[in-house]
PDB file of N, CA and C in Angstrom:
ATOM      1  N   MET A   1      -7.088 -12.662 -24.656  1.00  0.00           N
ATOM      2  CA  MET A   1      -6.509 -13.174 -23.430  1.00  0.00           C
ATOM      3  C   MET A   1      -6.780 -12.193 -22.301  1.00  0.00           C
ATOM      4  N   MET A   2      -7.256 -12.680 -21.186  1.00  0.00           N
ATOM      5  CA  MET A   2      -7.575 -11.825 -20.049  1.00  0.00           C
ATOM      6  C   MET A   2      -6.378 -11.740 -19.104  1.00  0.00           C
ATOM      7  N   ARG A   3      -6.053 -10.543 -18.719  1.00  0.00           N
ATOM      8  CA  ARG A   3      -4.938 -10.326 -17.788  1.00  0.00           C
ATOM      9  C   ARG A   3      -5.464 -10.312 -16.365  1.00  0.00           C
ATOM     10  N   GLY A   4      -4.573 -10.528 -15.424  1.00  0.00           N
ATOM     11  CA  GLY A   4      -4.952 -10.481 -14.022  1.00  0.00           C
ATOM     12  C   GLY A   4      -5.067  -9.049 -13.544  1.00  0.00           C
ATOM     13  N   PRO A   5      -5.277  -8.880 -12.249  1.00  0.00           N
ATOM     14  CA  PRO A   5      -5.401  -7.537 -11.687  1.00  0.00           C
ATOM     15  C   PRO A   5      -4.117  -6.731 -11.861  1.00  0.00           C
ATOM     16  N   ASP A   6      -4.263  -5.411 -11.974  1.00  0.00           N
ATOM     17  CA  ASP A   6      -3.085  -4.559 -12.116  1.00  0.00           C
ATOM     18  C   ASP A   6      -2.385  -4.397 -10.766  1.00  0.00           C
ATOM     19  N   ALA A   7      -1.228  -3.776 -10.802  1.00  0.00           N
ATOM     20  CA  ALA A   7      -0.408  -3.643  -9.599  1.00  0.00           C
ATOM     21  C   ALA A   7      -1.135  -2.873  -8.495  1.00  0.00           C
ATOM     22  N   MET A   8      -1.912  -1.851  -8.842  1.00  0.00           N
ATOM     23  CA  MET A   8      -2.627  -1.099  -7.820  1.00  0.00           C
ATOM     24  C   MET A   8      -3.648  -1.978  -7.108  1.00  0.00           C
ATOM     25  N   ALA A   9      -4.399  -2.759  -7.862  1.00  0.00           N
ATOM     26  CA  ALA A   9      -5.378  -3.662  -7.242  1.00  0.00           C
ATOM     27  C   ALA A   9      -4.679  -4.666  -6.331  1.00  0.00           C
ATOM     28  N   LEU A  10      -3.543  -5.191  -6.781  1.00  0.00           N
ATOM     29  CA  LEU A  10      -2.785  -6.136  -5.958  1.00  0.00           C
ATOM     30  C   LEU A  10      -2.262  -5.473  -4.692  1.00  0.00           C
ATOM     31  N   LEU A  11      -1.779  -4.240  -4.811  1.00  0.00           N
ATOM     32  CA  LEU A  11      -1.288  -3.520  -3.639  1.00  0.00           C
ATOM     33  C   LEU A  11      -2.424  -3.269  -2.651  1.00  0.00           C
ATOM     34  N   GLN A  12      -3.575  -2.858  -3.146  1.00  0.00           N
ATOM     35  CA  GLN A  12      -4.714  -2.628  -2.256  1.00  0.00           C
ATOM     36  C   GLN A  12      -5.115  -3.907  -1.533  1.00  0.00           C
ATOM     37  N   ARG A  13      -5.148  -5.017  -2.257  1.00  0.00           N
ATOM     38  CA  ARG A  13      -5.477  -6.305  -1.622  1.00  0.00           C
ATOM     39  C   ARG A  13      -4.449  -6.674  -0.569  1.00  0.00           C
ATOM     40  N   ALA A  14      -3.168  -6.448  -0.878  1.00  0.00           N
ATOM     41  CA  ALA A  14      -2.107  -6.792   0.061  1.00  0.00           C
ATOM     42  C   ALA A  14      -2.186  -5.932   1.320  1.00  0.00           C
ATOM     43  N   LEU A  15      -2.430  -4.640   1.146  1.00  0.00           N
ATOM     44  CA  LEU A  15      -2.579  -3.762   2.313  1.00  0.00           C
ATOM     45  C   LEU A  15      -3.786  -4.163   3.150  1.00  0.00           C
ATOM     46  N   GLN A  16      -4.901  -4.461   2.479  1.00  0.00           N
ATOM     47  CA  GLN A  16      -6.109  -4.869   3.190  1.00  0.00           C
ATOM     48  C   GLN A  16      -5.868  -6.159   3.962  1.00  0.00           C
ATOM     49  N   GLY A  17      -5.207  -7.118   3.326  1.00  0.00           N
ATOM     50  CA  GLY A  17      -4.908  -8.380   3.996  1.00  0.00           C
ATOM     51  C   GLY A  17      -3.995  -8.203   5.197  1.00  0.00           C
ATOM     52  N   SER A  18      -3.009  -7.337   5.057  1.00  0.00           N
ATOM     53  CA  SER A  18      -2.094  -7.067   6.164  1.00  0.00           C
ATOM     54  C   SER A  18      -2.819  -6.402   7.325  1.00  0.00           C
ATOM     55  N   ALA A  19      -3.670  -5.427   7.016  1.00  0.00           N
ATOM     56  CA  ALA A  19      -4.447  -4.760   8.072  1.00  0.00           C
ATOM     57  C   ALA A  19      -5.408  -5.739   8.729  1.00  0.00           C
ATOM     58  N   ASP A  20      -6.067  -6.570   7.934  1.00  0.00           N
ATOM     59  CA  ASP A  20      -6.981  -7.577   8.487  1.00  0.00           C
ATOM     60  C   ASP A  20      -6.237  -8.501   9.442  1.00  0.00           C
ATOM     61  N   ALA A  21      -5.043  -8.951   9.043  1.00  0.00           N
ATOM     62  CA  ALA A  21      -4.251  -9.850   9.881  1.00  0.00           C
ATOM     63  C   ALA A  21      -3.862  -9.186  11.199  1.00  0.00           C
ATOM     64  N   ALA A  22      -3.736  -7.859  11.175  1.00  0.00           N
ATOM     65  CA  ALA A  22      -3.408  -7.114  12.398  1.00  0.00           C
ATOM     66  C   ALA A  22      -4.664  -6.755  13.200  1.00  0.00           C
ATOM     67  N   GLY A  23      -5.834  -7.170  12.717  1.00  0.00           N
ATOM     68  CA  GLY A  23      -7.082  -6.878  13.414  1.00  0.00           C
ATOM     69  C   GLY A  23      -7.555  -5.446  13.250  1.00  0.00           C
ATOM     70  N   LEU A  24      -7.146  -4.803  12.159  1.00  0.00           N
ATOM     71  CA  LEU A  24      -7.479  -3.394  11.930  1.00  0.00           C
ATOM     72  C   LEU A  24      -8.532  -3.238  10.844  1.00  0.00           C
ATOM     73  N   ILE A  25      -9.304  -2.197  10.955  1.00  0.00           N
ATOM     74  CA  ILE A  25     -10.262  -1.836   9.920  1.00  0.00           C
ATOM     75  C   ILE A  25      -9.610  -0.760   9.066  1.00  0.00           C
ATOM     76  N   LEU A  26      -9.274  -1.118   7.839  1.00  0.00           N
ATOM     77  CA  LEU A  26      -8.596  -0.219   6.908  1.00  0.00           C
ATOM     78  C   LEU A  26      -9.572   0.186   5.815  1.00  0.00           C
ATOM     79  N   ALA A  27      -9.662   1.468   5.564  1.00  0.00           N
ATOM     80  CA  ALA A  27     -10.453   1.966   4.437  1.00  0.00           C
ATOM     81  C   ALA A  27      -9.490   2.639   3.474  1.00  0.00           C
ATOM     82  N   ILE A  28      -9.535   2.214   2.223  1.00  0.00           N
ATOM     83  CA  ILE A  28      -8.680   2.796   1.201  1.00  0.00           C
ATOM     84  C   ILE A  28      -9.512   3.787   0.409  1.00  0.00           C
ATOM     85  N   GLY A  29      -9.051   5.024   0.392  1.00  0.00           N
ATOM     86  CA  GLY A  29      -9.744   6.077  -0.341  1.00  0.00           C
ATOM     87  C   GLY A  29      -9.092   6.303  -1.685  1.00  0.00           C
ATOM     88  N   GLU A  30      -8.667   7.513  -1.902  1.00  0.00           N
ATOM     89  CA  GLU A  30      -8.033   7.884  -3.173  1.00  0.00           C
ATOM     90  C   GLU A  30      -6.807   7.010  -3.427  1.00  0.00           C
ATOM     91  N   ALA A  31      -6.696   6.512  -4.656  1.00  0.00           N
ATOM     92  CA  ALA A  31      -5.561   5.672  -5.033  1.00  0.00           C
ATOM     93  C   ALA A  31      -5.231   5.923  -6.500  1.00  0.00           C
ATOM     94  N   THR A  32      -3.969   6.291  -6.753  1.00  0.00           N
ATOM     95  CA  THR A  32      -3.538   6.539  -8.125  1.00  0.00           C
ATOM     96  C   THR A  32      -2.207   5.838  -8.388  1.00  0.00           C
ATOM     97  N   SER A  33      -1.977   5.515  -9.642  1.00  0.00           N
ATOM     98  CA  SER A  33      -0.719   4.902 -10.068  1.00  0.00           C
ATOM     99  C   SER A  33      -0.194   5.624 -11.302  1.00  0.00           C
ATOM    100  N   ILE A  34       1.118   5.664 -11.399  1.00  0.00           N
ATOM    101  CA  ILE A  34       1.790   6.219 -12.564  1.00  0.00           C
ATOM    102  C   ILE A  34       2.817   5.189 -13.011  1.00  0.00           C
ATOM    103  N   ASP A  35       2.798   4.839 -14.295  1.00  0.00           N
ATOM    104  CA  ASP A  35       3.775   3.886 -14.818  1.00  0.00           C
ATOM    105  C   ASP A  35       5.184   4.402 -14.564  1.00  0.00           C
ATOM    106  N   TRP A  36       6.087   3.475 -14.310  1.00  0.00           N
ATOM    107  CA  TRP A  36       7.471   3.808 -13.989  1.00  0.00           C
ATOM    108  C   TRP A  36       8.369   2.790 -14.677  1.00  0.00           C
ATOM    109  N   ALA A  37       9.544   3.223 -15.094  1.00  0.00           N
ATOM    110  CA  ALA A  37      10.512   2.297 -15.697  1.00  0.00           C
ATOM    111  C   ALA A  37      11.924   2.807 -15.470  1.00  0.00           C
ATOM    112  N   SER A  38      12.837   1.865 -15.342  1.00  0.00           N
ATOM    113  CA  SER A  38      14.268   2.175 -15.312  1.00  0.00           C
ATOM    114  C   SER A  38      14.885   1.409 -16.477  1.00  0.00           C
ATOM    115  N   ALA A  39      16.188   1.395 -16.549  1.00  0.00           N
ATOM    116  CA  ALA A  39      16.852   0.676 -17.638  1.00  0.00           C
ATOM    117  C   ALA A  39      16.592  -0.828 -17.560  1.00  0.00           C
ATOM    118  N   THR A  40      16.331  -1.334 -16.360  1.00  0.00           N
ATOM    119  CA  THR A  40      16.183  -2.781 -16.191  1.00  0.00           C
ATOM    120  C   THR A  40      14.833  -3.228 -15.648  1.00  0.00           C
ATOM    121  N   PHE A  41      14.004  -2.324 -15.139  1.00  0.00           N
ATOM    122  CA  PHE A  41      12.740  -2.714 -14.520  1.00  0.00           C
ATOM    123  C   PHE A  41      11.587  -1.883 -15.048  1.00  0.00           C
ATOM    124  N   THR A  42      10.391  -2.464 -15.007  1.00  0.00           N
ATOM    125  CA  THR A  42       9.163  -1.718 -15.265  1.00  0.00           C
ATOM    126  C   THR A  42       8.246  -1.927 -14.072  1.00  0.00           C
ATOM    127  N   GLY A  43       7.437  -0.935 -13.808  1.00  0.00           N
ATOM    128  CA  GLY A  43       6.536  -1.032 -12.675  1.00  0.00           C
ATOM    129  C   GLY A  43       5.645   0.192 -12.597  1.00  0.00           C
ATOM    130  N   ALA A  44       5.318   0.556 -11.353  1.00  0.00           N
ATOM    131  CA  ALA A  44       4.432   1.705 -11.146  1.00  0.00           C
ATOM    132  C   ALA A  44       4.704   2.337  -9.790  1.00  0.00           C
ATOM    133  N   ARG A  45       4.514   3.648  -9.750  1.00  0.00           N
ATOM    134  CA  ARG A  45       4.529   4.388  -8.482  1.00  0.00           C
ATOM    135  C   ARG A  45       3.072   4.540  -8.062  1.00  0.00           C
ATOM    136  N   HIS A  46       2.824   4.322  -6.781  1.00  0.00           N
ATOM    137  CA  HIS A  46       1.459   4.339  -6.263  1.00  0.00           C
ATOM    138  C   HIS A  46       1.334   5.364  -5.138  1.00  0.00           C
ATOM    139  N   LEU A  47       0.212   6.029  -5.106  1.00  0.00           N
ATOM    140  CA  LEU A  47      -0.123   6.952  -4.024  1.00  0.00           C
ATOM    141  C   LEU A  47      -1.512   6.580  -3.534  1.00  0.00           C
ATOM    142  N   LEU A  48      -1.609   6.295  -2.234  1.00  0.00           N
ATOM    143  CA  LEU A  48      -2.887   5.907  -1.645  1.00  0.00           C
ATOM    144  C   LEU A  48      -3.165   6.734  -0.404  1.00  0.00           C
ATOM    145  N   ARG A  49      -4.423   6.970  -0.157  1.00  0.00           N
ATOM    146  CA  ARG A  49      -4.853   7.598   1.082  1.00  0.00           C
ATOM    147  C   ARG A  49      -5.701   6.569   1.811  1.00  0.00           C
ATOM    148  N   VAL A  50      -5.320   6.261   3.047  1.00  0.00           N
ATOM    149  CA  VAL A  50      -6.031   5.257   3.824  1.00  0.00           C
ATOM    150  C   VAL A  50      -6.469   5.853   5.158  1.00  0.00           C
ATOM    151  N   THR A  51      -7.500   5.267   5.732  1.00  0.00           N
ATOM    152  CA  THR A  51      -7.914   5.661   7.078  1.00  0.00           C
ATOM    153  C   THR A  51      -7.997   4.415   7.947  1.00  0.00           C
ATOM    154  N   LEU A  52      -7.672   4.625   9.211  1.00  0.00           N
ATOM    155  CA  LEU A  52      -7.667   3.572  10.225  1.00  0.00           C
ATOM    156  C   LEU A  52      -8.148   4.174  11.540  1.00  0.00           C
ATOM    157  N   PRO A  53      -8.565   3.343  12.487  1.00  0.00           N
ATOM    158  CA  PRO A  53      -8.878   3.867  13.812  1.00  0.00           C
ATOM    159  C   PRO A  53      -7.610   4.441  14.453  1.00  0.00           C
ATOM    160  N   ASP A  54      -7.747   5.517  15.179  1.00  0.00           N
ATOM    161  CA  ASP A  54      -6.599   6.126  15.861  1.00  0.00           C
ATOM    162  C   ASP A  54      -6.351   5.367  17.157  1.00  0.00           C
ATOM    163  N   GLU A  55      -5.585   4.290  17.031  1.00  0.00           N
ATOM    164  CA  GLU A  55      -5.263   3.438  18.179  1.00  0.00           C
ATOM    165  C   GLU A  55      -3.836   2.934  18.032  1.00  0.00           C
ATOM    166  N   PRO A  56      -3.231   2.465  19.126  1.00  0.00           N
ATOM    167  CA  PRO A  56      -1.832   2.036  19.066  1.00  0.00           C
ATOM    168  C   PRO A  56      -1.540   0.986  17.987  1.00  0.00           C
ATOM    169  N   ALA A  57      -2.446   0.050  17.768  1.00  0.00           N
ATOM    170  CA  ALA A  57      -2.204  -0.989  16.762  1.00  0.00           C
ATOM    171  C   ALA A  57      -2.101  -0.389  15.357  1.00  0.00           C
ATOM    172  N   SER A  58      -2.881   0.640  15.079  1.00  0.00           N
ATOM    173  CA  SER A  58      -2.816   1.303  13.778  1.00  0.00           C
ATOM    174  C   SER A  58      -1.483   2.016  13.597  1.00  0.00           C
ATOM    175  N   HIS A  59      -1.037   2.686  14.653  1.00  0.00           N
ATOM    176  CA  HIS A  59       0.257   3.370  14.595  1.00  0.00           C
ATOM    177  C   HIS A  59       1.375   2.355  14.342  1.00  0.00           C
ATOM    178  N   ALA A  60       1.313   1.216  15.026  1.00  0.00           N
ATOM    179  CA  ALA A  60       2.333   0.180  14.860  1.00  0.00           C
ATOM    180  C   ALA A  60       2.297  -0.396  13.448  1.00  0.00           C
ATOM    181  N   TRP A  61       1.101  -0.616  12.913  1.00  0.00           N
ATOM    182  CA  TRP A  61       0.966  -1.165  11.558  1.00  0.00           C
ATOM    183  C   TRP A  61       1.563  -0.198  10.537  1.00  0.00           C
ATOM    184  N   LEU A  62       1.238   1.079  10.652  1.00  0.00           N
ATOM    185  CA  LEU A  62       1.788   2.072   9.732  1.00  0.00           C
ATOM    186  C   LEU A  62       3.304   2.145   9.844  1.00  0.00           C
ATOM    187  N   ALA A  63       3.821   2.098  11.069  1.00  0.00           N
ATOM    188  CA  ALA A  63       5.266   2.165  11.280  1.00  0.00           C
ATOM    189  C   ALA A  63       5.981   0.965  10.662  1.00  0.00           C
ATOM    190  N   GLY A  64       5.307  -0.169  10.587  1.00  0.00           N
ATOM    191  CA  GLY A  64       5.920  -1.376  10.042  1.00  0.00           C
ATOM    192  C   GLY A  64       5.779  -1.558   8.536  1.00  0.00           C
ATOM    193  N   LEU A  65       5.046  -0.679   7.874  1.00  0.00           N
ATOM    194  CA  LEU A  65       4.818  -0.859   6.436  1.00  0.00           C
ATOM    195  C   LEU A  65       6.095  -0.825   5.606  1.00  0.00           C
ATOM    196  N   ALA A  66       7.051  -0.009   5.989  1.00  0.00           N
ATOM    197  CA  ALA A  66       8.292   0.092   5.206  1.00  0.00           C
ATOM    198  C   ALA A  66       9.023  -1.246   5.130  1.00  0.00           C
ATOM    199  N   ASP A  67       8.874  -2.071   6.158  1.00  0.00           N
ATOM    200  CA  ASP A  67       9.560  -3.362   6.198  1.00  0.00           C
ATOM    201  C   ASP A  67       8.634  -4.544   5.943  1.00  0.00           C
ATOM    202  N   ALA A  68       7.366  -4.283   5.704  1.00  0.00           N
ATOM    203  CA  ALA A  68       6.395  -5.358   5.512  1.00  0.00           C
ATOM    204  C   ALA A  68       6.635  -6.093   4.200  1.00  0.00           C
ATOM    205  N   GLU A  69       6.401  -7.388   4.207  1.00  0.00           N
ATOM    206  CA  GLU A  69       6.467  -8.182   2.994  1.00  0.00           C
ATOM    207  C   GLU A  69       5.034  -8.406   2.536  1.00  0.00           C
ATOM    208  N   LEU A  70       4.621  -7.622   1.561  1.00  0.00           N
ATOM    209  CA  LEU A  70       3.257  -7.694   1.058  1.00  0.00           C
ATOM    210  C   LEU A  70       3.254  -8.523  -0.219  1.00  0.00           C
ATOM    211  N   PHE A  71       2.391  -9.515  -0.278  1.00  0.00           N
ATOM    212  CA  PHE A  71       2.318 -10.444  -1.400  1.00  0.00           C
ATOM    213  C   PHE A  71       1.532  -9.828  -2.544  1.00  0.00           C
ATOM    214  N   MET A  72       2.210  -9.679  -3.694  1.00  0.00           N
ATOM    215  CA  MET A  72       1.603  -9.129  -4.903  1.00  0.00           C
ATOM    216  C   MET A  72       2.018 -10.027  -6.065  1.00  0.00           C
ATOM    217  N   PRO A  73       1.225 -11.042  -6.402  1.00  0.00           N
ATOM    218  CA  PRO A  73       1.621 -11.994  -7.445  1.00  0.00           C
ATOM    219  C   PRO A  73       2.032 -11.302  -8.753  1.00  0.00           C
ATOM    220  N   GLY A  74       3.215 -11.647  -9.230  1.00  0.00           N
ATOM    221  CA  GLY A  74       3.717 -11.073 -10.474  1.00  0.00           C
ATOM    222  C   GLY A  74       4.427  -9.746 -10.305  1.00  0.00           C
ATOM    223  N   HIS A  75       4.448  -9.234  -9.083  1.00  0.00           N
ATOM    224  CA  HIS A  75       5.066  -7.940  -8.791  1.00  0.00           C
ATOM    225  C   HIS A  75       5.834  -8.033  -7.477  1.00  0.00           C
ATOM    226  N   LEU A  76       6.812  -7.176  -7.332  1.00  0.00           N
ATOM    227  CA  LEU A  76       7.536  -7.025  -6.073  1.00  0.00           C
ATOM    228  C   LEU A  76       7.302  -5.610  -5.558  1.00  0.00           C
ATOM    229  N   LEU A  77       7.106  -5.488  -4.281  1.00  0.00           N
ATOM    230  CA  LEU A  77       6.980  -4.171  -3.680  1.00  0.00           C
ATOM    231  C   LEU A  77       8.383  -3.705  -3.318  1.00  0.00           C
ATOM    232  N   ALA A  78       8.924  -2.794  -4.114  1.00  0.00           N
ATOM    233  CA  ALA A  78      10.299  -2.339  -3.950  1.00  0.00           C
ATOM    234  C   ALA A  78      10.438  -1.292  -2.858  1.00  0.00           C
ATOM    235  N   ASP A  79       9.393  -0.512  -2.642  1.00  0.00           N
ATOM    236  CA  ASP A  79       9.440   0.550  -1.635  1.00  0.00           C
ATOM    237  C   ASP A  79       8.021   0.853  -1.182  1.00  0.00           C
ATOM    238  N   CYS A  80       7.886   1.129   0.101  1.00  0.00           N
ATOM    239  CA  CYS A  80       6.588   1.501   0.655  1.00  0.00           C
ATOM    240  C   CYS A  80       6.851   2.424   1.839  1.00  0.00           C
ATOM    241  N   ALA A  81       6.272   3.615   1.801  1.00  0.00           N
ATOM    242  CA  ALA A  81       6.522   4.593   2.859  1.00  0.00           C
ATOM    243  C   ALA A  81       5.243   5.338   3.212  1.00  0.00           C
ATOM    244  N   VAL A  82       5.087   5.567   4.493  1.00  0.00           N
ATOM    245  CA  VAL A  82       4.008   6.433   4.978  1.00  0.00           C
ATOM    246  C   VAL A  82       4.588   7.837   4.991  1.00  0.00           C
ATOM    247  N   VAL A  83       4.042   8.723   4.170  1.00  0.00           N
ATOM    248  CA  VAL A  83       4.631  10.044   4.008  1.00  0.00           C
ATOM    249  C   VAL A  83       3.877  11.137   4.754  1.00  0.00           C
ATOM    250  N   ALA A  84       2.689  10.843   5.238  1.00  0.00           N
ATOM    251  CA  ALA A  84       1.934  11.826   6.019  1.00  0.00           C
ATOM    252  C   ALA A  84       0.863  11.107   6.826  1.00  0.00           C
ATOM    253  N   VAL A  85       0.627  11.604   8.032  1.00  0.00           N
ATOM    254  CA  VAL A  85      -0.431  11.074   8.887  1.00  0.00           C
ATOM    255  C   VAL A  85      -1.150  12.247   9.529  1.00  0.00           C
ATOM    256  N   GLU A  86      -2.475  12.218   9.472  1.00  0.00           N
ATOM    257  CA  GLU A  86      -3.305  13.236  10.112  1.00  0.00           C
ATOM    258  C   GLU A  86      -4.233  12.552  11.105  1.00  0.00           C
ATOM    259  N   HIS A  87      -4.479  13.215  12.219  1.00  0.00           N
ATOM    260  CA  HIS A  87      -5.382  12.704  13.250  1.00  0.00           C
ATOM    261  C   HIS A  87      -6.646  13.550  13.247  1.00  0.00           C
ATOM    262  N   ALA A  88      -7.803  12.906  13.244  1.00  0.00           N
ATOM    263  CA  ALA A  88      -9.061  13.650  13.294  1.00  0.00           C
ATOM    264  C   ALA A  88     -10.181  12.736  13.780  1.00  0.00           C
ATOM    265  N   ALA A  89     -10.875  13.160  14.799  1.00  0.00           N
ATOM    266  CA  ALA A  89     -12.090  12.487  15.279  1.00  0.00           C
ATOM    267  C   ALA A  89     -11.933  10.978  15.434  1.00  0.00           C
ATOM    268  N   GLY A  90     -10.868  10.547  16.093  1.00  0.00           N
ATOM    269  CA  GLY A  90     -10.687   9.125  16.365  1.00  0.00           C
ATOM    270  C   GLY A  90     -10.180   8.299  15.191  1.00  0.00           C
ATOM    271  N   THR A  91      -9.768   8.951  14.119  1.00  0.00           N
ATOM    272  CA  THR A  91      -9.231   8.211  12.976  1.00  0.00           C
ATOM    273  C   THR A  91      -7.865   8.752  12.579  1.00  0.00           C
ATOM    274  N   LEU A  92      -7.128   7.916  11.897  1.00  0.00           N
ATOM    275  CA  LEU A  92      -5.862   8.306  11.285  1.00  0.00           C
ATOM    276  C   LEU A  92      -6.085   8.328   9.784  1.00  0.00           C
ATOM    277  N   ALA A  93      -5.652   9.357   9.138  1.00  0.00           N
ATOM    278  CA  ALA A  93      -5.640   9.417   7.675  1.00  0.00           C
ATOM    279  C   ALA A  93      -4.173   9.445   7.273  1.00  0.00           C
ATOM    280  N   ALA A  94      -3.762   8.440   6.526  1.00  0.00           N
ATOM    281  CA  ALA A  94      -2.353   8.331   6.143  1.00  0.00           C
ATOM    282  C   ALA A  94      -2.216   8.341   4.628  1.00  0.00           C
ATOM    283  N   ARG A  95      -1.133   8.959   4.179  1.00  0.00           N
ATOM    284  CA  ARG A  95      -0.789   8.933   2.758  1.00  0.00           C
ATOM    285  C   ARG A  95       0.386   7.979   2.593  1.00  0.00           C
ATOM    286  N   ILE A  96       0.219   7.019   1.702  1.00  0.00           N
ATOM    287  CA  ILE A  96       1.230   5.988   1.466  1.00  0.00           C
ATOM    288  C   ILE A  96       1.744   6.123   0.035  1.00  0.00           C
ATOM    289  N   GLU A  97       3.060   6.110  -0.119  1.00  0.00           N
ATOM    290  CA  GLU A  97       3.682   6.085  -1.437  1.00  0.00           C
ATOM    291  C   GLU A  97       4.415   4.758  -1.572  1.00  0.00           C
ATOM    292  N   ALA A  98       4.260   4.115  -2.721  1.00  0.00           N
ATOM    293  CA  ALA A  98       4.874   2.811  -2.929  1.00  0.00           C
ATOM    294  C   ALA A  98       5.385   2.701  -4.361  1.00  0.00           C
ATOM    295  N   LEU A  99       6.328   1.804  -4.546  1.00  0.00           N
ATOM    296  CA  LEU A  99       6.865   1.496  -5.866  1.00  0.00           C
ATOM    297  C   LEU A  99       6.814  -0.026  -6.034  1.00  0.00           C
ATOM    298  N   SER A 100       6.145  -0.457  -7.087  1.00  0.00           N
ATOM    299  CA  SER A 100       6.110  -1.891  -7.405  1.00  0.00           C
ATOM    300  C   SER A 100       6.844  -2.102  -8.730  1.00  0.00           C
ATOM    301  N   VAL A 101       7.493  -3.261  -8.839  1.00  0.00           N
ATOM    302  CA  VAL A 101       8.148  -3.636 -10.085  1.00  0.00           C
ATOM    303  C   VAL A 101       7.621  -4.987 -10.528  1.00  0.00           C
ATOM    304  N   GLU A 102       7.533  -5.160 -11.833  1.00  0.00           N
ATOM    305  CA  GLU A 102       7.031  -6.404 -12.394  1.00  0.00           C
ATOM    306  C   GLU A 102       8.114  -7.472 -12.291  1.00  0.00           C
ATOM    307  N   GLU A 103       7.717  -8.684 -11.868  1.00  0.00           N
ATOM    308  CA  GLU A 103       8.642  -9.799 -11.869  1.00  0.00           C
ATOM    309  C   GLU A 103       8.784 -10.307 -13.294  1.00  0.00           C
ATOM    310  N   ARG A 104       9.956 -10.730 -13.628  1.00  0.00           N
ATOM    311  CA  ARG A 104      10.191 -11.259 -14.984  1.00  0.00           C
ATOM    312  C   ARG A 104      10.544 -12.712 -14.916  1.00  0.00           C
TER     313      ARG A 104
END
């Protein structure tokens, strides 16, 4: 039986779709996931490094990620935070930490 994409792939697609909808060019670089579980949920913690053009729309998109509703079939995005932003040569490099949980 073939399984669908993992939570990291779904998160990357959701971020890309959200950036596309905002008219932004998003490049996803380093991306890692670590399995996570509590007494009632299973999921994964994600760390991604993304780059965007250094423009007001990019700043607004990053600022809105914590409240964004990103579609990840079979998973819920429980938390999403921009934990670091660097400016260099007309680009923003941001580090994003997220927590996804599997829907049951």
